[in-house]
Amino acid sequence: MKAIICSQWCEPADLVLGDLPDPVAGPGQVVIAIKAAALNFFDILMVQGKYQTKPPFPFSPAAEIAGVIESVG
């Protein structure tokens, strides 16, 4: 799948479009086909490494999404 990827602490302009493996829903999870995503101030802080939550690399910022459930684990 295509995704905006953060693979190191950077500025938002340095994020890259890349490929990630297609997700598979595990128990109690769903896979969502994202139709729209929003980036907020905390997403900018997150990619810069300045937010209290620091996800492991690589990650795709965007906490707000809208889409359609594709599969259920």
N, C-alpha and C. Protein backbone atom coordinates (compact mmCIF):
# COMPACT_ATOMS: atom_id res chain seq x y z
N MET A 1 0.84 -1.17 0.00
CA MET A 1 0.00 0.00 0.00
C MET A 1 0.89 1.24 0.00
N LYS A 2 0.40 2.32 -0.52
CA LYS A 2 1.11 3.59 -0.52
C LYS A 2 0.85 4.31 0.80
N ALA A 3 1.87 4.99 1.32
CA ALA A 3 1.72 5.72 2.57
C ALA A 3 2.76 6.82 2.65
N ILE A 4 2.42 7.89 3.36
CA ILE A 4 3.42 8.89 3.71
C ILE A 4 4.18 8.32 4.89
N ILE A 5 5.50 8.24 4.77
CA ILE A 5 6.31 7.52 5.74
C ILE A 5 7.29 8.46 6.43
N CYS A 6 7.35 8.32 7.74
CA CYS A 6 8.37 8.99 8.55
C CYS A 6 9.34 7.91 9.01
N SER A 7 10.57 7.95 8.52
CA SER A 7 11.55 6.92 8.88
C SER A 7 12.67 7.48 9.75
N GLN A 8 12.61 8.78 10.04
CA GLN A 8 13.54 9.43 10.97
C GLN A 8 12.91 10.75 11.40
N TRP A 9 13.40 11.32 12.49
CA TRP A 9 12.87 12.63 12.91
C TRP A 9 13.19 13.64 11.83
N CYS A 10 12.18 14.41 11.42
CA CYS A 10 12.37 15.32 10.29
C CYS A 10 11.31 16.41 10.31
N GLU A 11 11.37 17.28 9.33
CA GLU A 11 10.35 18.30 9.11
C GLU A 11 9.25 17.69 8.23
N PRO A 12 8.03 18.20 8.29
CA PRO A 12 6.96 17.64 7.46
C PRO A 12 7.29 17.62 5.97
N ALA A 13 8.03 18.58 5.48
CA ALA A 13 8.39 18.62 4.06
C ALA A 13 9.32 17.48 3.67
N ASP A 14 9.95 16.83 4.66
CA ASP A 14 10.89 15.74 4.38
C ASP A 14 10.24 14.36 4.38
N LEU A 15 8.95 14.29 4.68
CA LEU A 15 8.25 13.00 4.64
C LEU A 15 8.20 12.50 3.21
N VAL A 16 8.21 11.19 3.02
CA VAL A 16 8.24 10.62 1.67
C VAL A 16 7.05 9.70 1.44
N LEU A 17 6.64 9.60 0.18
CA LEU A 17 5.62 8.65 -0.22
C LEU A 17 6.33 7.34 -0.52
N GLY A 18 5.89 6.28 0.14
CA GLY A 18 6.54 4.99 -0.06
C GLY A 18 5.56 3.85 -0.01
N ASP A 19 6.10 2.65 -0.05
CA ASP A 19 5.29 1.44 -0.02
C ASP A 19 5.47 0.72 1.30
N LEU A 20 4.36 0.25 1.86
CA LEU A 20 4.37 -0.58 3.05
C LEU A 20 3.59 -1.86 2.73
N PRO A 21 3.87 -2.93 3.46
CA PRO A 21 3.09 -4.16 3.23
C PRO A 21 1.61 -3.91 3.51
N ASP A 22 0.74 -4.58 2.78
CA ASP A 22 -0.70 -4.47 3.03
C ASP A 22 -0.99 -4.97 4.45
N PRO A 23 -1.78 -4.23 5.22
CA PRO A 23 -2.06 -4.66 6.59
C PRO A 23 -3.01 -5.86 6.63
N VAL A 24 -2.87 -6.64 7.69
CA VAL A 24 -3.73 -7.79 7.94
C VAL A 24 -4.32 -7.60 9.33
N ALA A 25 -5.63 -7.70 9.46
CA ALA A 25 -6.29 -7.52 10.76
C ALA A 25 -6.04 -8.72 11.65
N GLY A 26 -5.55 -8.43 12.86
CA GLY A 26 -5.39 -9.47 13.86
C GLY A 26 -6.64 -9.56 14.72
N PRO A 27 -6.64 -10.41 15.72
CA PRO A 27 -7.81 -10.53 16.60
C PRO A 27 -8.17 -9.18 17.23
N GLY A 28 -9.44 -8.81 17.15
CA GLY A 28 -9.90 -7.56 17.73
C GLY A 28 -9.51 -6.31 16.95
N GLN A 29 -9.02 -6.47 15.73
CA GLN A 29 -8.59 -5.34 14.89
C GLN A 29 -9.41 -5.29 13.61
N VAL A 30 -9.36 -4.13 12.94
CA VAL A 30 -9.97 -3.98 11.63
C VAL A 30 -8.95 -3.33 10.69
N VAL A 31 -9.09 -3.56 9.41
CA VAL A 31 -8.33 -2.86 8.39
C VAL A 31 -9.27 -1.87 7.74
N ILE A 32 -8.84 -0.62 7.66
CA ILE A 32 -9.67 0.45 7.10
C ILE A 32 -9.04 0.94 5.80
N ALA A 33 -9.82 0.99 4.73
CA ALA A 33 -9.39 1.62 3.48
C ALA A 33 -9.58 3.12 3.69
N ILE A 34 -8.48 3.84 3.90
CA ILE A 34 -8.55 5.26 4.22
C ILE A 34 -8.90 6.06 2.98
N LYS A 35 -9.92 6.88 3.10
CA LYS A 35 -10.36 7.74 2.01
C LYS A 35 -9.94 9.19 2.23
N ALA A 36 -9.72 9.59 3.48
CA ALA A 36 -9.28 10.95 3.81
C ALA A 36 -8.49 10.89 5.11
N ALA A 37 -7.45 11.73 5.21
CA ALA A 37 -6.64 11.81 6.42
C ALA A 37 -6.29 13.27 6.67
N ALA A 38 -6.12 13.62 7.94
CA ALA A 38 -5.77 14.98 8.31
C ALA A 38 -4.50 14.97 9.15
N LEU A 39 -3.69 15.98 8.95
CA LEU A 39 -2.50 16.19 9.78
C LEU A 39 -2.76 17.40 10.66
N ASN A 40 -2.42 17.28 11.94
CA ASN A 40 -2.63 18.34 12.90
C ASN A 40 -1.31 18.74 13.52
N PHE A 41 -1.36 19.73 14.40
CA PHE A 41 -0.15 20.25 15.02
C PHE A 41 0.63 19.14 15.73
N PHE A 42 -0.07 18.25 16.44
CA PHE A 42 0.66 17.20 17.14
C PHE A 42 1.32 16.22 16.18
N ASP A 43 0.77 16.05 14.96
CA ASP A 43 1.43 15.21 13.96
C ASP A 43 2.78 15.83 13.57
N ILE A 44 2.81 17.16 13.44
CA ILE A 44 4.06 17.85 13.12
C ILE A 44 5.07 17.63 14.24
N LEU A 45 4.61 17.79 15.49
CA LEU A 45 5.51 17.55 16.62
C LEU A 45 5.99 16.10 16.63
N MET A 46 5.10 15.16 16.28
CA MET A 46 5.46 13.75 16.30
C MET A 46 6.57 13.43 15.30
N VAL A 47 6.48 13.94 14.06
CA VAL A 47 7.51 13.63 13.06
C VAL A 47 8.83 14.32 13.39
N GLN A 48 8.77 15.38 14.22
CA GLN A 48 9.99 16.06 14.65
C GLN A 48 10.59 15.43 15.90
N GLY A 49 9.88 14.45 16.50
CA GLY A 49 10.35 13.81 17.72
C GLY A 49 10.12 14.65 18.96
N LYS A 50 9.19 15.62 18.89
CA LYS A 50 8.93 16.54 20.00
C LYS A 50 7.63 16.24 20.75
N TYR A 51 6.92 15.20 20.37
CA TYR A 51 5.66 14.85 21.02
C TYR A 51 5.93 13.80 22.08
N GLN A 52 5.10 13.72 23.12
CA GLN A 52 5.35 12.77 24.21
C GLN A 52 5.29 11.32 23.74
N THR A 53 4.52 11.03 22.71
CA THR A 53 4.47 9.68 22.14
C THR A 53 5.42 9.63 20.96
N LYS A 54 6.33 8.65 20.98
CA LYS A 54 7.29 8.50 19.89
C LYS A 54 7.16 7.09 19.31
N PRO A 55 6.38 6.95 18.24
CA PRO A 55 6.18 5.62 17.67
C PRO A 55 7.46 5.09 17.03
N PRO A 56 7.58 3.77 16.92
CA PRO A 56 8.76 3.20 16.27
C PRO A 56 8.74 3.51 14.77
N PHE A 57 9.94 3.66 14.20
CA PHE A 57 10.07 3.89 12.76
C PHE A 57 9.91 2.58 12.00
N PRO A 58 9.41 2.60 10.79
CA PRO A 58 8.75 3.72 10.13
C PRO A 58 7.30 3.81 10.60
N PHE A 59 6.75 5.01 10.57
CA PHE A 59 5.34 5.18 10.89
C PHE A 59 4.75 6.19 9.92
N SER A 60 3.44 6.18 9.86
CA SER A 60 2.72 7.09 8.97
C SER A 60 1.88 8.03 9.83
N PRO A 61 2.21 9.32 9.86
CA PRO A 61 1.45 10.23 10.70
C PRO A 61 0.05 10.48 10.13
N ALA A 62 -0.87 10.76 10.98
CA ALA A 62 -2.26 11.14 10.65
C ALA A 62 -3.16 10.40 11.61
N ALA A 63 -3.53 11.07 12.68
CA ALA A 63 -4.38 10.46 13.69
C ALA A 63 -5.85 10.54 13.33
N GLU A 64 -6.20 11.46 12.44
CA GLU A 64 -7.59 11.60 12.02
C GLU A 64 -7.76 11.00 10.64
N ILE A 65 -8.64 10.01 10.55
CA ILE A 65 -8.88 9.37 9.26
C ILE A 65 -10.37 9.12 9.07
N ALA A 66 -10.76 8.93 7.83
CA ALA A 66 -12.11 8.50 7.49
C ALA A 66 -11.98 7.46 6.39
N GLY A 67 -12.77 6.41 6.47
CA GLY A 67 -12.66 5.37 5.46
C GLY A 67 -13.73 4.31 5.59
N VAL A 68 -13.46 3.18 4.98
CA VAL A 68 -14.38 2.07 4.92
C VAL A 68 -13.67 0.82 5.47
N ILE A 69 -14.35 0.11 6.35
CA ILE A 69 -13.77 -1.13 6.89
C ILE A 69 -13.67 -2.15 5.78
N GLU A 70 -12.46 -2.69 5.59
CA GLU A 70 -12.22 -3.71 4.57
C GLU A 70 -12.26 -5.13 5.12
N SER A 71 -11.71 -5.30 6.32
CA SER A 71 -11.70 -6.64 6.90
C SER A 71 -11.67 -6.54 8.42
N VAL A 72 -12.12 -7.63 9.06
CA VAL A 72 -12.18 -7.70 10.51
C VAL A 72 -11.40 -8.93 10.94
N GLY A 73 -10.57 -8.76 11.99
CA GLY A 73 -9.76 -9.87 12.49
C GLY A 73 -10.54 -10.78 13.41
